[in-house]
Amino acid sequence: MQKAQKNKLWLSLFLILLAVISIPAIHLFKTKINEQQGIEHIPTGYRDDASHLNLTKVHKIVDVESTPEAIQQQLKTLLKYASEHHLKVSIAGAKHSMGGHTIYPDGIALNMLPYNHMSFDEKSNILTIGSGATWEAALRYLDRYGKSIAVMQAFSNFSIGGSISVNGHGWQKNSPPISSSVESFTLMNAQGEIVNCSRTEHPELFKLVIGGYGLFGIILDVKLKVVDNVALTFQSISVLPEDYVNAYQKIVSNNPDVQFAYGRLRISDKHFLQQATLNYFEKIDKKPLAFSQQQSKNAETKRIVFRGSVDSEYGKRLRWDLESSLNSVSPYATFSRNEILSEDAALIENKDSHSTDLLHEYFIPKQHLAQFIQDLKPVLKTKKVDLLNITIREVEHDHDAFMNYAREDVFGLVFLFNQKKTAQQEQDMQQLTQQLVDITLKNQGTFYLPYRLHVSRDKMRLAYPQTDAFFSLKKKYDPEQIFSNQFYLHYRES
């Protein structure tokens, strides 16, 4: 009798364990097989961007030449042609903006990706790189010298020129945006002249081009400051959102060994915005592994876990629990700085042809962060668009860009939404964006400009009071307004 009871107990425990393992496995398997995969087909003569909502007919698409001499002659000829035929020119790299910033209707669309040369001067610690090169290529190139990129955004498959044009920021500790690591760049202006721009040479143009969305010329060769590639270990703690600023100051800002840090807010209905993690990488005294020696990142498994959270409360809880479990194990692993920076956006890729993932970002002064998160709750609780993620990154005061979004030290909150490709969902997103911008303005913050053009001219100017001066200077440097895009059409002076 006692043996039978023991057998029943063991059977019950086995069944419970099987259920614990099989339920998430089944959920992720269903996520994988239910993806309505479809390759986006862009008709000949059309352009789109990362939103998959901006399919636009263009006059022609031009792939630029790959060498400095050839590209200069090519672009001079092209700009003359555009002027004579009253055509606009838009500029694109990896096309990760989402509001038509790289497109002008019936205009000439430049593809800068072929212009990707690079060289490294070990004496000055400066990387010279073509604006069409990706950060991933730069990281792999620098890795052989034991060097790394100083400041870049979270994903590495963006182009150098594109990142400068949106003045992207990263998650490097105590760091301003990418502009802070730009020593200088050459620019082909609207007259076909090559201008060298730095903080001392054509400084006004330097400030305008950084975060200028391709409206002042074509960025060609960029000189970037680099840093040492180092070995890092990962740490993570749980923290209440209202305690995030103090925890960040104590654990990250006050620790000289921390190089990267980011926060994550819980977005499942259970404990909605009531829990956060603070995740950071500390430098250790160890030689970093080269790219070739690094282990596989299991990218597809991570992607499916992420995609499993779309329209699924269970999937959102599962992702949070799996990430929390992984965070408790990761301190035993060692990473190189270059490995950490080399993640591709494919890690969260949406392969469902009926929906798209859209980013928002709001920059909030540190003293207002807790109140901002509180103000978000009633709005996001009633949202009609599916929220997939909120990440928190520190951005220090930016003294370089004319259209600077960090006019003091801020935290950037990056939102990722999954939106169906329907007119109703587009309207829902527009309404939600207006609400989020209102909350941002209430908390003395700004919003990031590379995303969907859902904010009115008036509200945009409340967040960026320098806007009219920016567009006036646009006409000064480009009187024919040859360089243009849908961002300019939407926000310029009426």
Protein backbone atom coordinates (compact mmCIF):
# COMPACT_ATOMS: atom_id res chain seq x y z
CA MET A 1 0.00 0.00 0.00
CA GLN A 2 2.77 2.41 0.98
CA LYS A 3 4.68 1.53 -2.19
CA ALA A 4 1.62 2.24 -4.32
CA GLN A 5 1.20 5.63 -2.68
CA LYS A 6 4.86 6.45 -3.37
CA ASN A 7 4.42 5.43 -7.00
CA LYS A 8 1.37 7.68 -7.29
CA LEU A 9 3.32 10.54 -5.73
CA TRP A 10 6.22 10.12 -8.13
CA LEU A 11 3.80 9.88 -11.05
CA SER A 12 2.07 13.08 -9.94
CA LEU A 13 5.41 14.90 -9.63
CA PHE A 14 6.45 13.63 -13.05
CA LEU A 15 3.20 14.82 -14.62
CA ILE A 16 3.55 18.23 -12.98
CA LEU A 17 7.15 18.52 -14.22
CA LEU A 18 6.06 17.43 -17.69
CA ALA A 19 3.32 20.07 -17.71
CA VAL A 20 5.73 22.77 -16.52
CA ILE A 21 8.09 21.94 -19.39
CA SER A 22 5.57 21.11 -22.10
CA ILE A 23 3.20 24.09 -21.79
CA PRO A 24 5.83 26.72 -22.68
CA ALA A 25 7.35 24.38 -25.27
CA ILE A 26 3.96 23.95 -26.95
CA HIS A 27 3.35 27.71 -26.83
CA LEU A 28 6.68 28.46 -28.53
CA PHE A 29 6.15 25.68 -31.08
CA LYS A 30 2.74 27.10 -31.99
CA THR A 31 4.29 30.56 -32.27
CA LYS A 32 6.81 29.22 -34.76
CA ILE A 33 4.42 27.30 -36.98
CA ASN A 34 1.68 29.96 -36.90
CA GLU A 35 3.88 32.75 -38.24
CA GLN A 36 2.22 33.86 -41.46
CA GLN A 37 5.53 34.33 -43.15
CA GLY A 38 5.73 36.35 -46.30
CA ILE A 39 8.65 38.08 -47.96
CA GLU A 40 7.85 41.75 -48.42
CA HIS A 41 7.70 42.34 -52.16
CA ILE A 42 8.67 45.87 -53.13
CA PRO A 43 7.71 46.56 -56.76
CA THR A 44 10.35 47.93 -59.10
CA GLY A 45 10.60 51.69 -58.73
CA TYR A 46 9.22 51.78 -55.17
CA ARG A 47 10.83 52.24 -51.74
CA ASP A 48 9.72 51.35 -48.22
CA ASP A 49 11.31 51.48 -44.77
CA ALA A 50 11.32 49.48 -41.54
CA SER A 51 7.68 50.36 -40.80
CA HIS A 52 6.50 48.42 -43.88
CA LEU A 53 3.84 51.13 -44.12
CA ASN A 54 5.57 53.64 -46.42
CA LEU A 55 5.57 52.01 -49.85
CA THR A 56 6.26 54.95 -52.17
CA LYS A 57 6.92 55.30 -55.91
CA VAL A 58 10.21 57.06 -56.66
CA HIS A 59 11.74 58.50 -59.83
CA LYS A 60 14.72 56.17 -59.61
CA ILE A 61 16.96 54.36 -57.13
CA VAL A 62 20.70 54.97 -57.36
CA ASP A 63 23.29 52.65 -55.84
CA VAL A 64 26.30 54.82 -55.04
CA GLU A 65 29.86 54.02 -56.06
CA SER A 66 32.18 52.39 -53.55
CA THR A 67 35.32 54.54 -53.83
CA PRO A 68 35.78 58.20 -52.78
CA GLU A 69 36.79 59.44 -56.24
CA ALA A 70 33.97 57.65 -58.06
CA ILE A 71 31.23 58.55 -55.59
CA GLN A 72 32.12 62.24 -55.62
CA GLN A 73 31.86 62.47 -59.41
CA GLN A 74 28.69 60.35 -59.43
CA LEU A 75 26.93 62.48 -56.81
CA LYS A 76 27.94 65.81 -58.40
CA THR A 77 26.42 64.65 -61.68
CA LEU A 78 23.31 63.39 -59.91
CA LEU A 79 22.72 66.63 -57.99
CA LYS A 80 23.08 68.64 -61.19
CA TYR A 81 20.55 66.34 -62.86
CA ALA A 82 18.16 66.71 -59.90
CA SER A 83 18.41 70.51 -60.02
CA GLU A 84 17.85 70.70 -63.78
CA HIS A 85 14.82 68.37 -63.60
CA HIS A 86 13.37 69.81 -60.37
CA LEU A 87 13.71 66.49 -58.54
CA LYS A 88 14.25 65.88 -54.84
CA VAL A 89 16.95 63.59 -53.41
CA SER A 90 16.47 61.33 -50.41
CA ILE A 91 19.23 59.35 -48.73
CA ALA A 92 19.08 55.84 -47.26
CA GLY A 93 21.38 53.32 -45.64
CA ALA A 94 19.84 50.32 -43.88
CA LYS A 95 16.40 52.05 -43.87
CA HIS A 96 15.58 51.50 -40.19
CA SER A 97 13.67 54.76 -39.71
CA MET A 98 9.88 54.45 -39.82
CA GLY A 99 8.40 57.71 -41.05
CA GLY A 100 9.52 58.02 -44.66
CA HIS A 101 12.75 59.78 -43.64
CA THR A 102 14.60 58.01 -46.48
CA ILE A 103 11.93 58.50 -49.15
CA TYR A 104 10.52 61.33 -51.27
CA PRO A 105 7.59 60.67 -53.66
CA ASP A 106 8.84 60.60 -57.27
CA GLY A 107 12.28 61.64 -56.07
CA ILE A 108 15.76 60.19 -56.52
CA ALA A 109 16.50 57.63 -53.78
CA LEU A 110 20.16 57.09 -52.91
CA ASN A 111 21.35 53.74 -51.60
CA MET A 112 24.52 54.50 -49.63
CA LEU A 113 25.30 50.93 -48.53
CA PRO A 114 28.00 50.27 -51.19
CA TYR A 115 30.11 53.11 -49.77
CA ASN A 116 31.55 51.09 -46.91
CA HIS A 117 35.35 51.43 -46.91
CA MET A 118 37.22 51.75 -43.59
CA SER A 119 40.71 52.29 -42.20
CA PHE A 120 42.10 52.62 -38.69
CA ASP A 121 44.84 54.94 -37.47
CA GLU A 122 46.33 53.32 -34.37
CA LYS A 123 48.25 56.47 -33.40
CA SER A 124 45.22 58.74 -33.23
CA ASN A 125 42.78 55.96 -32.29
CA ILE A 126 40.46 57.12 -35.08
CA LEU A 127 38.38 54.94 -37.42
CA THR A 128 37.72 56.45 -40.86
CA ILE A 129 34.69 54.81 -42.41
CA GLY A 130 32.32 55.21 -45.34
CA SER A 131 28.83 56.26 -44.30
CA GLY A 132 27.21 53.22 -45.91
CA ALA A 133 29.10 50.73 -43.73
CA THR A 134 27.21 49.01 -40.94
CA TRP A 135 28.25 49.07 -37.32
CA GLU A 136 28.57 45.28 -37.47
CA ALA A 137 31.21 45.58 -40.18
CA ALA A 138 33.01 48.25 -38.15
CA LEU A 139 33.02 46.06 -35.04
CA ARG A 140 34.48 43.09 -36.90
CA TYR A 141 37.10 45.30 -38.50
CA LEU A 142 38.12 46.91 -35.19
CA ASP A 143 38.14 43.56 -33.39
CA ARG A 144 41.41 42.61 -35.08
CA TYR A 145 43.02 45.70 -33.50
CA GLY A 146 41.59 45.01 -30.05
CA LYS A 147 39.33 48.07 -30.40
CA SER A 148 35.61 48.75 -30.22
CA ILE A 149 33.01 51.39 -31.09
CA ALA A 150 32.70 54.06 -28.40
CA VAL A 151 28.98 54.84 -28.76
CA MET A 152 26.34 53.09 -30.86
CA GLN A 153 22.75 51.94 -30.58
CA ALA A 154 21.59 48.51 -29.44
CA PHE A 155 21.53 46.84 -32.88
CA SER A 156 24.53 46.66 -35.18
CA ASN A 157 22.95 46.29 -38.63
CA PHE A 158 22.26 50.03 -39.00
CA SER A 159 24.49 52.17 -41.21
CA ILE A 160 26.98 54.71 -39.90
CA GLY A 161 25.51 57.58 -41.91
CA GLY A 162 21.96 56.67 -40.96
CA SER A 163 22.81 56.57 -37.26
CA ILE A 164 24.48 59.98 -37.46
CA SER A 165 21.51 61.38 -39.37
CA VAL A 166 19.14 60.38 -36.56
CA ASN A 167 21.79 61.01 -33.87
CA GLY A 168 21.19 57.57 -32.40
CA HIS A 169 22.17 56.77 -28.85
CA GLY A 170 23.33 53.63 -27.14
CA TRP A 171 23.30 52.12 -23.69
CA GLN A 172 26.87 53.03 -22.82
CA LYS A 173 27.09 54.35 -19.27
CA ASN A 174 27.33 58.12 -18.73
CA SER A 175 27.31 58.79 -22.47
CA PRO A 176 25.68 61.37 -24.75
CA PRO A 177 24.37 60.22 -28.16
CA ILE A 178 26.51 58.97 -31.06
CA SER A 179 27.41 62.57 -31.93
CA SER A 180 29.85 62.59 -29.00
CA SER A 181 32.06 60.01 -30.72
CA VAL A 182 32.10 61.73 -34.11
CA GLU A 183 35.35 63.61 -34.65
CA SER A 184 34.42 64.93 -38.09
CA PHE A 185 32.82 63.98 -41.40
CA THR A 186 32.88 65.08 -45.03
CA LEU A 187 29.62 66.20 -46.57
CA MET A 188 28.57 66.77 -50.16
CA ASN A 189 26.30 69.80 -50.03
CA ALA A 190 23.47 70.77 -52.38
CA GLN A 191 25.93 72.59 -54.67
CA GLY A 192 28.03 69.44 -55.14
CA GLU A 193 30.89 70.73 -52.98
CA ILE A 194 32.76 68.61 -50.43
CA VAL A 195 32.73 70.25 -47.00
CA ASN A 196 34.64 69.00 -43.95
CA CYS A 197 32.50 69.38 -40.82
CA SER A 198 33.71 69.27 -37.22
CA ARG A 199 33.30 71.21 -33.99
CA THR A 200 35.86 73.73 -35.26
CA GLU A 201 35.39 73.58 -39.05
CA HIS A 202 31.91 74.52 -40.31
CA PRO A 203 30.57 73.94 -36.77
CA GLU A 204 27.03 75.09 -37.55
CA LEU A 205 26.71 72.56 -40.36
CA PHE A 206 28.23 69.90 -38.11
CA LYS A 207 25.46 70.47 -35.57
CA LEU A 208 22.73 70.54 -38.23
CA VAL A 209 23.76 67.36 -40.06
CA ILE A 210 23.93 65.32 -36.84
CA GLY A 211 20.30 64.47 -36.27
CA GLY A 212 19.45 66.36 -39.47
CA TYR A 213 17.73 63.46 -41.28
CA GLY A 214 19.61 63.90 -44.55
CA LEU A 215 18.27 67.40 -45.19
CA PHE A 216 21.62 69.22 -45.42
CA GLY A 217 23.72 66.99 -47.65
CA ILE A 218 25.19 63.53 -48.16
CA ILE A 219 27.51 62.25 -45.42
CA LEU A 220 30.51 60.54 -47.01
CA ASP A 221 33.55 59.82 -44.82
CA VAL A 222 33.26 59.76 -41.04
CA LYS A 223 36.02 59.86 -38.43
CA LEU A 224 34.99 58.09 -35.23
CA LYS A 225 36.64 57.83 -31.83
CA VAL A 226 37.11 54.25 -30.68
CA VAL A 227 37.84 52.55 -27.36
CA ASP A 228 39.45 49.32 -26.20
CA ASN A 229 37.61 46.05 -26.61
CA VAL A 230 37.35 44.52 -23.14
CA ALA A 231 35.93 41.47 -21.38
CA LEU A 232 32.65 41.92 -19.51
CA THR A 233 30.37 40.03 -17.17
CA PHE A 234 26.62 40.50 -16.93
CA GLN A 235 24.68 41.37 -13.78
CA SER A 236 20.97 41.94 -13.19
CA ILE A 237 18.87 43.04 -10.24
CA SER A 238 15.14 43.49 -9.68
CA VAL A 239 14.04 46.97 -8.72
CA LEU A 240 10.80 48.87 -8.26
CA PRO A 241 10.25 51.44 -11.04
CA GLU A 242 9.98 54.24 -8.47
CA ASP A 243 13.45 53.29 -7.16
CA TYR A 244 15.07 52.98 -10.59
CA VAL A 245 16.88 56.33 -10.62
CA ASN A 246 18.47 55.83 -7.19
CA ALA A 247 19.40 52.23 -8.01
CA TYR A 248 20.97 53.32 -11.30
CA GLN A 249 23.03 56.00 -9.60
CA LYS A 250 24.28 53.64 -6.90
CA ILE A 251 24.91 50.50 -8.97
CA VAL A 252 25.83 51.89 -12.39
CA SER A 253 26.92 55.54 -12.24
CA ASN A 254 29.05 55.09 -9.13
CA ASN A 255 30.76 51.93 -10.40
CA PRO A 256 33.73 52.74 -12.68
CA ASP A 257 33.80 49.17 -14.03
CA VAL A 258 30.29 49.28 -15.52
CA GLN A 259 30.33 49.93 -19.28
CA PHE A 260 26.74 49.21 -20.38
CA ALA A 261 23.40 49.35 -18.61
CA TYR A 262 19.72 49.16 -19.47
CA GLY A 263 16.43 48.66 -17.68
CA ARG A 264 13.36 46.65 -18.58
CA LEU A 265 9.80 47.27 -17.40
CA ARG A 266 7.36 44.41 -16.93
CA ILE A 267 4.54 44.77 -19.48
CA SER A 268 2.34 41.74 -18.75
CA ASP A 269 -1.12 42.52 -17.33
CA LYS A 270 0.02 40.86 -14.13
CA HIS A 271 2.26 43.39 -12.30
CA PHE A 272 1.93 45.83 -15.21
CA LEU A 273 4.72 48.46 -14.91
CA GLN A 274 5.14 47.45 -11.28
CA GLN A 275 8.41 45.58 -11.71
CA ALA A 276 11.67 46.40 -13.45
CA THR A 277 15.09 44.91 -13.95
CA LEU A 278 18.36 46.84 -14.05
CA ASN A 279 20.87 45.02 -16.22
CA TYR A 280 24.52 45.96 -16.59
CA PHE A 281 27.90 44.76 -17.84
CA GLU A 282 31.05 45.14 -15.75
CA LYS A 283 34.61 45.14 -17.05
CA ILE A 284 36.84 42.34 -15.74
CA ASP A 285 40.58 41.78 -15.94
CA LYS A 286 40.53 39.19 -18.68
CA LYS A 287 41.41 39.11 -22.37
CA PRO A 288 38.25 39.35 -24.50
CA LEU A 289 37.51 36.55 -26.93
CA ALA A 290 37.72 37.26 -30.64
CA PHE A 291 34.55 37.03 -32.72
CA SER A 292 35.54 33.66 -34.13
CA GLN A 293 35.80 32.16 -30.63
CA GLN A 294 32.43 33.35 -29.39
CA GLN A 295 29.61 30.92 -28.81
CA SER A 296 26.35 30.89 -30.77
CA LYS A 297 23.76 33.30 -29.47
CA ASN A 298 20.83 30.92 -30.19
CA ALA A 299 19.25 33.82 -32.02
CA GLU A 300 16.23 31.95 -33.40
CA THR A 301 15.26 30.60 -29.97
CA LYS A 302 15.43 34.10 -28.51
CA ARG A 303 13.41 35.44 -31.42
CA ILE A 304 10.64 32.89 -30.95
CA VAL A 305 10.44 33.62 -27.22
CA PHE A 306 10.06 37.30 -28.09
CA ARG A 307 7.50 36.67 -30.86
CA GLY A 308 5.58 34.41 -28.50
CA SER A 309 4.64 37.49 -26.48
CA VAL A 310 2.64 39.05 -29.33
CA ASP A 311 -1.04 39.30 -28.37
CA SER A 312 -0.42 36.79 -25.56
CA GLU A 313 -0.56 37.46 -21.83
CA TYR A 314 0.91 34.00 -21.26
CA GLY A 315 3.72 34.75 -23.73
CA LYS A 316 4.53 38.04 -22.00
CA ARG A 317 4.72 36.35 -18.59
CA LEU A 318 6.79 33.50 -20.05
CA ARG A 319 9.28 35.90 -21.62
CA TRP A 320 9.67 37.82 -18.36
CA ASP A 321 10.18 34.61 -16.38
CA LEU A 322 12.65 33.15 -18.90
CA GLU A 323 14.67 36.37 -19.05
CA SER A 324 14.70 36.56 -15.24
CA SER A 325 15.93 32.96 -15.04
CA LEU A 326 18.58 33.61 -17.68
CA ASN A 327 19.69 36.74 -15.85
CA SER A 328 20.40 34.65 -12.75
CA VAL A 329 22.70 32.34 -14.76
CA SER A 330 24.42 34.89 -17.05
CA PRO A 331 26.83 36.28 -14.39
CA TYR A 332 28.82 33.09 -14.88
CA ALA A 333 29.42 33.93 -18.57
CA THR A 334 32.04 36.26 -20.05
CA PHE A 335 31.45 38.46 -23.09
CA SER A 336 33.58 40.83 -25.12
CA ARG A 337 32.46 44.42 -25.64
CA ASN A 338 32.28 43.80 -29.38
CA GLU A 339 30.13 40.72 -28.87
CA ILE A 340 27.66 42.68 -26.76
CA LEU A 341 27.44 45.40 -29.41
CA SER A 342 27.06 43.05 -32.38
CA GLU A 343 23.43 42.00 -31.92
CA ASP A 344 21.33 42.16 -35.08
CA ALA A 345 17.75 43.46 -35.26
CA ALA A 346 16.83 40.01 -36.61
CA LEU A 347 16.84 38.97 -32.94
CA ILE A 348 13.27 40.30 -32.66
CA GLU A 349 12.28 40.12 -36.35
CA ASN A 350 8.56 40.01 -37.13
CA LYS A 351 7.90 37.53 -39.94
CA ASP A 352 4.13 37.99 -39.91
CA SER A 353 3.19 39.73 -43.16
CA HIS A 354 -0.09 41.01 -41.66
CA SER A 355 1.48 43.08 -38.89
CA THR A 356 4.46 45.30 -38.24
CA ASP A 357 6.51 46.30 -35.18
CA LEU A 358 6.76 50.02 -34.50
CA LEU A 359 9.10 51.88 -32.19
CA HIS A 360 8.47 54.94 -30.05
CA GLU A 361 10.97 56.60 -27.75
CA TYR A 362 10.48 59.24 -25.11
CA PHE A 363 13.31 61.08 -23.33
CA ILE A 364 12.46 61.97 -19.75
CA PRO A 365 14.53 64.04 -17.30
CA LYS A 366 15.71 61.73 -14.55
CA GLN A 367 13.82 63.56 -11.81
CA HIS A 368 10.53 62.94 -13.67
CA LEU A 369 11.02 59.24 -14.54
CA ALA A 370 8.92 57.78 -11.69
CA GLN A 371 6.02 60.15 -12.39
CA PHE A 372 6.20 59.45 -16.13
CA ILE A 373 5.87 55.70 -15.51
CA GLN A 374 2.91 56.33 -13.21
CA ASP A 375 1.26 58.50 -15.85
CA LEU A 376 1.72 55.76 -18.46
CA LYS A 377 -0.30 53.14 -16.62
CA PRO A 378 -3.89 54.29 -17.31
CA VAL A 379 -3.08 55.07 -20.95
CA LEU A 380 -1.27 51.83 -21.75
CA LYS A 381 -3.77 49.73 -19.81
CA THR A 382 -6.52 50.78 -22.24
CA LYS A 383 -4.39 50.76 -25.39
CA LYS A 384 -5.70 49.03 -28.53
CA VAL A 385 -2.24 48.32 -29.94
CA ASP A 386 -0.19 45.46 -28.51
CA LEU A 387 2.77 46.57 -26.36
CA LEU A 388 5.75 44.20 -26.62
CA ASN A 389 8.54 45.91 -24.72
CA ILE A 390 9.76 48.95 -22.78
CA THR A 391 13.50 49.37 -22.33
CA ILE A 392 15.16 52.18 -20.35
CA ARG A 393 18.52 53.66 -21.39
CA GLU A 394 20.48 56.57 -20.00
CA VAL A 395 21.42 59.45 -22.32
CA GLU A 396 23.59 62.30 -21.08
CA HIS A 397 23.21 65.93 -22.12
CA ASP A 398 23.90 66.34 -25.85
CA HIS A 399 25.87 69.49 -26.71
CA ASP A 400 26.40 68.64 -30.39
CA ALA A 401 23.15 68.23 -32.33
CA PHE A 402 21.07 71.27 -33.23
CA MET A 403 17.88 69.20 -32.89
CA ASN A 404 19.03 67.66 -29.63
CA TYR A 405 16.56 65.52 -27.71
CA ALA A 406 18.73 65.28 -24.57
CA ARG A 407 18.91 68.88 -23.41
CA GLU A 408 19.82 67.57 -19.97
CA ASP A 409 20.60 64.11 -18.60
CA VAL A 410 17.63 61.89 -19.42
CA PHE A 411 16.41 58.33 -19.55
CA GLY A 412 15.19 57.19 -22.95
CA LEU A 413 12.23 54.82 -22.77
CA VAL A 414 12.03 52.70 -25.92
CA PHE A 415 8.58 51.26 -26.62
CA LEU A 416 7.96 48.49 -29.16
CA PHE A 417 4.41 47.91 -30.37
CA ASN A 418 2.94 45.30 -32.69
CA GLN A 419 0.44 46.91 -35.04
CA LYS A 420 -1.80 45.17 -37.53
CA LYS A 421 -1.65 46.58 -41.06
CA THR A 422 -5.18 47.95 -41.00
CA ALA A 423 -6.64 51.45 -41.18
CA GLN A 424 -8.20 50.98 -37.74
CA GLN A 425 -4.91 50.02 -36.11
CA GLU A 426 -3.18 52.95 -37.79
CA GLN A 427 -5.81 55.24 -36.27
CA ASP A 428 -5.42 53.55 -32.89
CA MET A 429 -1.67 54.11 -33.03
CA GLN A 430 -2.09 57.77 -33.93
CA GLN A 431 -4.38 58.30 -30.92
CA LEU A 432 -2.03 56.43 -28.59
CA THR A 433 0.95 58.46 -29.84
CA GLN A 434 -0.84 61.71 -29.09
CA GLN A 435 -1.56 60.53 -25.54
CA LEU A 436 2.03 59.45 -24.97
CA VAL A 437 3.40 62.73 -26.32
CA ASP A 438 1.06 64.65 -23.99
CA ILE A 439 2.37 62.68 -21.01
CA THR A 440 5.93 63.32 -22.18
CA LEU A 441 5.41 67.07 -22.47
CA LYS A 442 3.76 67.11 -19.04
CA ASN A 443 6.96 65.58 -17.66
CA GLN A 444 9.20 68.04 -19.55
CA GLY A 445 10.47 65.42 -21.95
CA THR A 446 10.91 65.02 -25.71
CA PHE A 447 10.12 62.31 -28.23
CA TYR A 448 12.43 60.74 -30.82
CA LEU A 449 11.93 61.87 -34.42
CA PRO A 450 12.86 58.83 -36.62
CA TYR A 451 9.51 57.12 -36.16
CA ARG A 452 5.96 57.37 -37.54
CA LEU A 453 4.80 60.90 -38.36
CA HIS A 454 1.85 60.86 -35.98
CA VAL A 455 2.67 64.04 -34.07
CA SER A 456 1.31 67.40 -35.20
CA ARG A 457 3.57 70.29 -36.22
CA ASP A 458 2.47 72.25 -33.15
CA LYS A 459 3.22 69.49 -30.64
CA MET A 460 6.49 68.75 -32.36
CA ARG A 461 7.51 72.36 -31.80
CA LEU A 462 6.56 72.14 -28.13
CA ALA A 463 9.05 69.28 -27.78
CA TYR A 464 11.59 70.92 -30.12
CA PRO A 465 11.30 74.72 -29.83
CA GLN A 466 14.33 75.07 -32.15
CA THR A 467 12.38 73.53 -35.08
CA ASP A 468 11.63 76.72 -37.03
CA ALA A 469 15.25 77.86 -36.75
CA PHE A 470 16.31 74.40 -37.99
CA PHE A 471 14.11 74.64 -41.08
CA SER A 472 15.24 78.22 -41.76
CA LEU A 473 18.85 77.02 -41.76
CA LYS A 474 17.81 74.20 -44.08
CA LYS A 475 16.85 76.85 -46.67
CA LYS A 476 20.11 78.71 -46.06
CA TYR A 477 22.26 75.68 -46.91
CA ASP A 478 19.90 74.13 -49.48
CA PRO A 479 17.93 77.01 -51.06
CA GLU A 480 16.46 74.79 -53.80
CA GLN A 481 15.51 72.24 -51.11
CA ILE A 482 17.00 69.45 -53.21
CA PHE A 483 17.43 67.20 -50.18
CA SER A 484 13.99 66.22 -48.95
CA ASN A 485 11.89 63.40 -47.55
CA GLN A 486 8.51 62.69 -45.98
CA PHE A 487 9.72 63.87 -42.57
CA TYR A 488 10.46 67.30 -44.06
CA LEU A 489 7.11 67.41 -45.87
CA HIS A 490 5.29 66.67 -42.60
CA TYR A 491 7.05 68.96 -40.15
CA ARG A 492 8.39 71.91 -42.17
CA GLU A 493 6.87 75.36 -41.91
CA SER A 494 3.39 75.52 -43.48
